[in-house]
């Protein structure tokens, strides 16, 4: 479960130029690399591929970010070894939110975030891979008071990080099996206060216990319930990877769409997006209407419209 900066597998050790970046065969097509290095890494044949080498220092930084986020450590420079000094994480998205990077194979390669509160404390939403060195990097931003889990398959390492930080671990009762030792258990379907300015909105659908966390009417940490699709240039649900019930997800959105207000959509999987709150609200209403006609589908990761 620890970060492993060792060299690539044998298939990645062919002769390459020192600066020739590549993606090795362990890639699971999770989309994280394309979020962090757009135009440099794209989907080719059902997996990520470096389609163009970097032209300047800024693009090298993008590739290093993608490499240090990749949960399989599949993205490498030609030398085969990542430079720890080029690790940009935690990476500021704005003055209050940092992307953790170092995505975990035990969390399906999902993104996780750190949220700064006005008091200077932090909250972690879902978790990166676990290591004491990473924990030290995150808590250097400020004391972490809460670890908020959005749902079942993003719950790995929650207890380890909460214990390290001396933080409270939160999960919904519907997914309690994934974190039976949680300190706070959300119940039912009504919003709950997590802390000053932070609300939890239970959103059964992707899983029985899926939750959205909304902070300051500005940030929506959506887990796998909502994401921004580059394919459709719109807000979407992951209809082909809805484990529990699309009908329940539609009902959850109809129950909550009128009271959700945010500018940032920050999912576990899929792209992030910032738009004015009224525009986000409009798109959420339209998505909510679309879900009425979405049938239950068998799980198919290859059908996601990233």
Protein backbone atom coordinates (compact mmCIF):
# COMPACT_ATOMS: atom_id res chain seq x y z
CA UNK A 1 0.00 0.00 0.00
CA UNK A 2 3.04 2.28 0.10
CA UNK A 3 4.16 4.65 -2.59
CA UNK A 4 6.65 2.82 -4.79
CA UNK A 5 9.00 5.05 -6.82
CA UNK A 6 11.04 2.11 -8.10
CA UNK A 7 11.77 1.62 -11.77
CA UNK A 8 9.33 0.34 -14.38
CA UNK A 9 8.56 -3.29 -15.23
CA UNK A 10 10.75 -5.09 -17.72
CA UNK A 11 8.62 -4.08 -20.72
CA UNK A 12 9.30 -0.43 -19.91
CA UNK A 13 13.08 -0.81 -19.92
CA UNK A 14 13.62 -0.63 -23.64
CA UNK A 15 16.04 1.95 -24.98
CA UNK A 16 14.58 5.44 -24.92
CA UNK A 17 15.83 8.97 -24.86
CA UNK A 18 16.17 10.32 -21.33
CA UNK A 19 13.34 12.79 -21.90
CA UNK A 20 11.04 10.51 -23.91
CA UNK A 21 7.96 10.09 -21.72
CA UNK A 22 5.80 6.98 -22.14
CA UNK A 23 2.95 5.01 -20.54
CA UNK A 24 3.64 1.37 -19.73
CA UNK A 25 1.30 -1.63 -20.00
CA UNK A 26 -0.01 -1.38 -16.44
CA UNK A 27 -2.29 1.54 -17.41
CA UNK A 28 -5.94 0.98 -16.43
CA UNK A 29 -7.32 3.91 -18.46
CA UNK A 30 -8.50 5.70 -15.31
CA UNK A 31 -8.35 9.17 -16.97
CA UNK A 32 -6.27 10.83 -14.23
CA UNK A 33 -3.28 11.41 -16.53
CA UNK A 34 -5.44 13.07 -19.19
CA UNK A 35 -6.86 15.44 -16.58
CA UNK A 36 -3.39 16.59 -15.54
CA UNK A 37 -1.59 16.52 -18.89
CA UNK A 38 -4.22 17.35 -21.53
CA UNK A 39 -2.90 17.33 -25.07
CA UNK A 40 0.18 15.39 -23.99
CA UNK A 41 -1.61 12.24 -22.87
CA UNK A 42 -4.74 11.03 -24.62
CA UNK A 43 -6.83 7.87 -24.85
CA UNK A 44 -5.60 5.56 -27.61
CA UNK A 45 -6.96 2.05 -27.99
CA UNK A 46 -8.63 2.00 -24.59
CA UNK A 47 -5.65 3.22 -22.57
CA UNK A 48 -3.64 6.37 -21.92
CA UNK A 49 -0.76 7.13 -24.28
CA UNK A 50 1.76 9.95 -24.58
CA UNK A 51 0.87 11.46 -27.94
CA UNK A 52 3.37 14.30 -27.86
CA UNK A 53 6.61 14.93 -25.98
CA UNK A 54 6.84 18.08 -23.81
CA UNK A 55 8.04 21.26 -25.49
CA UNK A 56 8.81 23.37 -22.44
CA UNK A 57 9.22 23.30 -18.67
CA UNK A 58 5.50 23.84 -18.07
CA UNK A 59 4.63 20.71 -20.03
CA UNK A 60 7.28 18.72 -18.18
CA UNK A 61 5.59 19.81 -14.96
CA UNK A 62 2.25 18.57 -16.31
CA UNK A 63 3.71 15.15 -17.08
CA UNK A 64 5.32 14.96 -13.65
CA UNK A 65 1.95 15.74 -12.07
CA UNK A 66 0.31 12.99 -14.12
CA UNK A 67 3.09 10.57 -13.23
CA UNK A 68 2.91 11.25 -9.48
CA UNK A 69 -0.89 10.90 -9.50
CA UNK A 70 -1.05 7.69 -11.57
CA UNK A 71 -2.12 4.83 -9.31
CA UNK A 72 -0.16 2.21 -11.29
CA UNK A 73 2.93 4.41 -11.72
CA UNK A 74 2.62 3.76 -15.46
CA UNK A 75 3.79 7.19 -16.64
CA UNK A 76 7.56 7.48 -16.87
CA UNK A 77 10.34 9.54 -18.40
CA UNK A 78 12.69 7.69 -20.71
CA UNK A 79 15.09 7.00 -17.84
CA UNK A 80 12.33 4.94 -16.21
CA UNK A 81 12.60 6.68 -12.83
CA UNK A 82 10.58 9.55 -11.44
CA UNK A 83 12.34 12.40 -9.69
CA UNK A 84 10.79 12.88 -6.22
CA UNK A 85 11.84 16.52 -6.35
CA UNK A 86 9.36 17.01 -9.23
CA UNK A 87 6.38 15.75 -7.21
CA UNK A 88 3.92 18.72 -7.14
CA UNK A 89 1.46 17.29 -4.62
CA UNK A 90 -0.49 18.47 -2.76
CA UNK A 91 -1.34 20.67 -5.74
CA UNK A 92 -3.35 23.86 -5.18
CA UNK A 93 -6.48 24.16 -7.35
CA UNK A 94 -7.34 27.47 -5.71
CA UNK A 95 -6.81 29.13 -2.33
CA UNK A 96 -8.88 26.54 -0.44
CA UNK A 97 -8.61 23.22 -2.25
CA UNK A 98 -5.61 21.02 -2.98
CA UNK A 99 -5.50 17.88 -5.09
CA UNK A 100 -3.76 15.12 -3.12
CA UNK A 101 -2.32 13.17 -6.09
CA UNK A 102 -0.76 9.77 -5.39
CA UNK A 103 -3.99 7.99 -6.26
CA UNK A 104 -4.45 4.56 -4.76
CA UNK A 105 -5.06 1.25 -6.51
CA UNK A 106 -7.15 0.34 -3.44
CA UNK A 107 -9.48 3.27 -4.18
CA UNK A 108 -9.93 2.43 -7.86
CA UNK A 109 -7.39 5.12 -8.76
CA UNK A 110 -9.70 7.91 -7.58
CA UNK A 111 -8.77 11.53 -6.93
CA UNK A 112 -8.80 12.88 -3.38
CA UNK A 113 -8.72 16.42 -2.03
CA UNK A 114 -7.78 18.62 0.89
CA UNK A 115 -10.16 21.43 1.87
CA UNK A 116 -8.90 24.37 3.91
CA UNK A 117 -11.28 25.87 6.42
CA UNK A 118 -11.26 29.53 7.57
CA UNK A 119 -9.74 28.43 10.91
CA UNK A 120 -6.67 27.10 9.09
CA UNK A 121 -7.62 23.47 9.65
CA UNK A 122 -8.08 20.99 6.79
CA UNK A 123 -10.52 18.28 5.77
CA UNK A 124 -9.53 15.35 3.52
CA UNK A 125 -12.13 14.10 1.05
CA UNK A 126 -11.49 10.48 0.09
CA UNK A 127 -7.90 9.32 0.40
CA UNK A 128 -4.72 8.97 -1.64
CA UNK A 129 -2.44 5.95 -1.27
CA UNK A 130 -1.21 5.51 2.26
CA UNK A 131 2.29 6.25 3.46
CA UNK A 132 3.62 8.10 6.48
CA UNK A 133 5.69 10.34 4.20
CA UNK A 134 2.61 11.41 2.25
CA UNK A 135 0.64 11.96 5.46
CA UNK A 136 3.38 14.31 6.66
CA UNK A 137 3.18 16.29 3.41
CA UNK A 138 -0.56 16.72 3.71
CA UNK A 139 -0.65 17.69 7.37
CA UNK A 140 2.08 20.27 6.71
CA UNK A 141 -0.71 22.37 5.16
CA UNK A 142 -2.53 22.45 8.50
CA UNK A 143 -4.11 20.11 11.06
CA UNK A 144 -6.63 17.73 9.47
CA UNK A 145 -9.79 17.43 11.56
CA UNK A 146 -11.98 15.21 9.36
CA UNK A 147 -11.64 12.53 6.69
CA UNK A 148 -14.81 12.45 4.59
CA UNK A 149 -15.51 9.31 2.55
CA UNK A 150 -17.82 9.71 -0.41
CA UNK A 151 -18.66 6.02 -0.82
CA UNK A 152 -17.72 2.38 -0.53
CA UNK A 153 -14.90 1.91 -3.04
CA UNK A 154 -13.06 5.12 -2.07
CA UNK A 155 -12.82 4.11 1.60
CA UNK A 156 -9.38 2.45 1.65
CA UNK A 157 -6.81 4.12 3.93
CA UNK A 158 -9.49 6.21 5.64
CA UNK A 159 -8.77 4.79 9.06
CA UNK A 160 -5.00 5.03 8.58
CA UNK A 161 -5.17 8.72 7.65
CA UNK A 162 -7.73 9.55 10.35
CA UNK A 163 -5.60 7.90 13.04
CA UNK A 164 -2.45 9.63 11.82
CA UNK A 165 -4.16 13.03 11.82
CA UNK A 166 -6.21 12.47 14.97
CA UNK A 167 -9.23 13.18 12.75
CA UNK A 168 -12.83 11.97 12.64
CA UNK A 169 -13.65 9.46 9.90
CA UNK A 170 -17.05 9.90 8.22
CA UNK A 171 -19.11 7.54 6.03
CA UNK A 172 -22.79 6.93 5.29
CA UNK A 173 -24.57 4.00 6.90
CA UNK A 174 -25.37 2.56 3.47
CA UNK A 175 -21.66 1.90 2.88
CA UNK A 176 -20.66 1.34 6.50
CA UNK A 177 -19.28 -2.11 5.68
CA UNK A 178 -16.34 -0.35 4.00
CA UNK A 179 -15.45 1.58 7.18
CA UNK A 180 -17.15 -0.17 10.12
CA UNK A 181 -14.92 1.69 12.59
CA UNK A 182 -15.93 5.15 11.33
CA UNK A 183 -16.21 7.81 14.03
CA UNK A 184 -19.24 9.54 12.47
CA UNK A 185 -21.98 7.73 10.53
CA UNK A 186 -24.32 9.70 8.27
CA UNK A 187 -27.87 8.35 8.18
CA UNK A 188 -30.94 8.69 6.00
CA UNK A 189 -31.24 10.98 2.99
CA UNK A 190 -31.42 14.47 4.48
CA UNK A 191 -28.44 16.85 4.50
CA UNK A 192 -26.22 16.82 7.58
CA UNK A 193 -23.83 19.43 8.93
CA UNK A 194 -20.21 18.26 8.97
CA UNK A 195 -18.70 21.52 10.16
CA UNK A 196 -19.04 25.24 9.69
CA UNK A 197 -19.99 25.76 6.04
CA UNK A 198 -19.71 22.05 5.12
CA UNK A 199 -22.78 19.91 4.42
CA UNK A 200 -23.14 16.24 3.51
CA UNK A 201 -25.88 15.35 1.01
CA UNK A 202 -26.64 11.60 0.95
CA UNK A 203 -27.07 10.60 -2.69
CA UNK A 204 -27.92 6.89 -3.03
CA UNK A 205 -27.37 5.68 -6.57
CA UNK A 206 -23.76 4.99 -7.52
CA UNK A 207 -23.68 3.03 -4.27
CA UNK A 208 -26.27 2.77 -1.51
CA UNK A 209 -24.22 5.07 0.73
CA UNK A 210 -22.89 7.62 -1.77
CA UNK A 211 -22.54 11.17 -0.42
CA UNK A 212 -21.84 14.62 -1.88
CA UNK A 213 -19.95 17.04 0.36
CA UNK A 214 -20.58 20.72 -0.37
CA UNK A 215 -18.45 23.44 1.22
CA UNK A 216 -19.22 27.17 1.37
CA UNK A 217 -21.72 26.86 -1.50
CA UNK A 218 -18.59 26.81 -3.65
CA UNK A 219 -17.12 23.30 -3.75
CA UNK A 220 -18.94 20.04 -4.50
CA UNK A 221 -16.92 16.90 -3.78
CA UNK A 222 -19.03 14.44 -5.72
CA UNK A 223 -17.28 11.10 -5.41
CA UNK A 224 -18.50 9.00 -8.32
CA UNK A 225 -22.03 10.46 -8.43
CA UNK A 226 -21.32 13.39 -10.79
CA UNK A 227 -18.38 14.43 -12.97
CA UNK A 228 -17.47 16.77 -15.82
CA UNK A 229 -17.21 15.00 -19.18
CA UNK A 230 -14.80 16.36 -21.77
CA UNK A 231 -16.63 14.26 -24.36
CA UNK A 232 -19.99 15.95 -23.85
CA UNK A 233 -18.64 19.21 -22.35
CA UNK A 234 -21.25 18.87 -19.64
CA UNK A 235 -22.04 17.52 -16.20
CA UNK A 236 -22.75 13.78 -16.28
CA UNK A 237 -23.49 10.77 -14.11
CA UNK A 238 -21.49 7.59 -14.60
CA UNK A 239 -24.45 5.63 -15.90
CA UNK A 240 -22.37 2.66 -17.06
CA UNK A 241 -20.75 2.28 -13.63
CA UNK A 242 -23.72 2.69 -11.31
CA UNK A 243 -23.37 -0.17 -8.86
CA UNK A 244 -26.58 0.28 -6.84
CA UNK A 245 -29.40 1.80 -8.88
CA UNK A 246 -29.83 4.37 -11.63
CA UNK A 247 -33.45 4.85 -10.57
CA UNK A 248 -32.27 5.69 -7.04
CA UNK A 249 -29.62 8.05 -8.39
CA UNK A 250 -32.29 9.85 -10.42
CA UNK A 251 -34.50 10.11 -7.34
CA UNK A 252 -31.57 11.42 -5.29
CA UNK A 253 -30.85 14.12 -7.83
CA UNK A 254 -34.49 15.16 -8.00
CA UNK A 255 -34.57 15.41 -4.20
CA UNK A 256 -31.44 17.56 -4.00
CA UNK A 257 -30.99 19.49 -7.26
CA UNK A 258 -32.96 22.50 -6.04
CA UNK A 259 -30.89 22.92 -2.89
CA UNK A 260 -27.38 22.24 -4.18
CA UNK A 261 -25.31 25.32 -4.94
CA UNK A 262 -21.63 25.24 -5.95
CA UNK A 263 -19.06 26.57 -8.42
CA UNK A 264 -16.49 23.76 -8.41
CA UNK A 265 -17.38 20.18 -9.38
CA UNK A 266 -14.64 17.99 -7.85
CA UNK A 267 -15.23 14.28 -8.54
CA UNK A 268 -13.32 11.15 -7.66
CA UNK A 269 -13.32 10.03 -11.29
CA UNK A 270 -13.77 12.23 -14.34
CA UNK A 271 -12.70 15.79 -14.92
CA UNK A 272 -13.02 18.79 -12.62
CA UNK A 273 -14.78 21.98 -13.65
CA UNK A 274 -15.41 25.48 -12.34
CA UNK A 275 -18.36 27.55 -13.58
CA UNK A 276 -20.50 30.31 -12.03
CA UNK A 277 -22.96 28.85 -9.52
CA UNK A 278 -26.07 29.72 -11.60
CA UNK A 279 -24.56 27.90 -14.60
CA UNK A 280 -23.75 24.85 -12.48
CA UNK A 281 -27.30 24.90 -11.12
CA UNK A 282 -28.74 25.02 -14.65
CA UNK A 283 -26.61 22.11 -15.80
CA UNK A 284 -27.52 20.12 -12.69
CA UNK A 285 -31.24 20.66 -13.37
CA UNK A 286 -30.77 19.51 -16.96
CA UNK A 287 -28.79 16.45 -15.86
CA UNK A 288 -31.46 15.65 -13.29
CA UNK A 289 -34.10 15.72 -16.02
CA UNK A 290 -31.98 13.48 -18.27
CA UNK A 291 -31.62 10.82 -15.59
CA UNK A 292 -35.38 10.17 -15.69
CA UNK A 293 -34.91 8.29 -18.97
CA UNK A 294 -31.66 6.49 -18.15
CA UNK A 295 -32.20 2.73 -17.83
CA UNK A 296 -30.36 0.37 -15.53
CA UNK A 297 -27.23 -0.80 -17.35
CA UNK A 298 -24.69 -3.56 -16.76
CA UNK A 299 -21.40 -2.25 -15.40
CA UNK A 300 -19.06 -1.38 -18.26
CA UNK A 301 -15.99 0.75 -17.51
CA UNK A 302 -15.17 1.10 -21.22
CA UNK A 303 -18.44 2.96 -21.86
CA UNK A 304 -17.65 5.98 -19.64
CA UNK A 305 -17.71 9.22 -21.66
CA UNK A 306 -14.65 10.86 -20.07
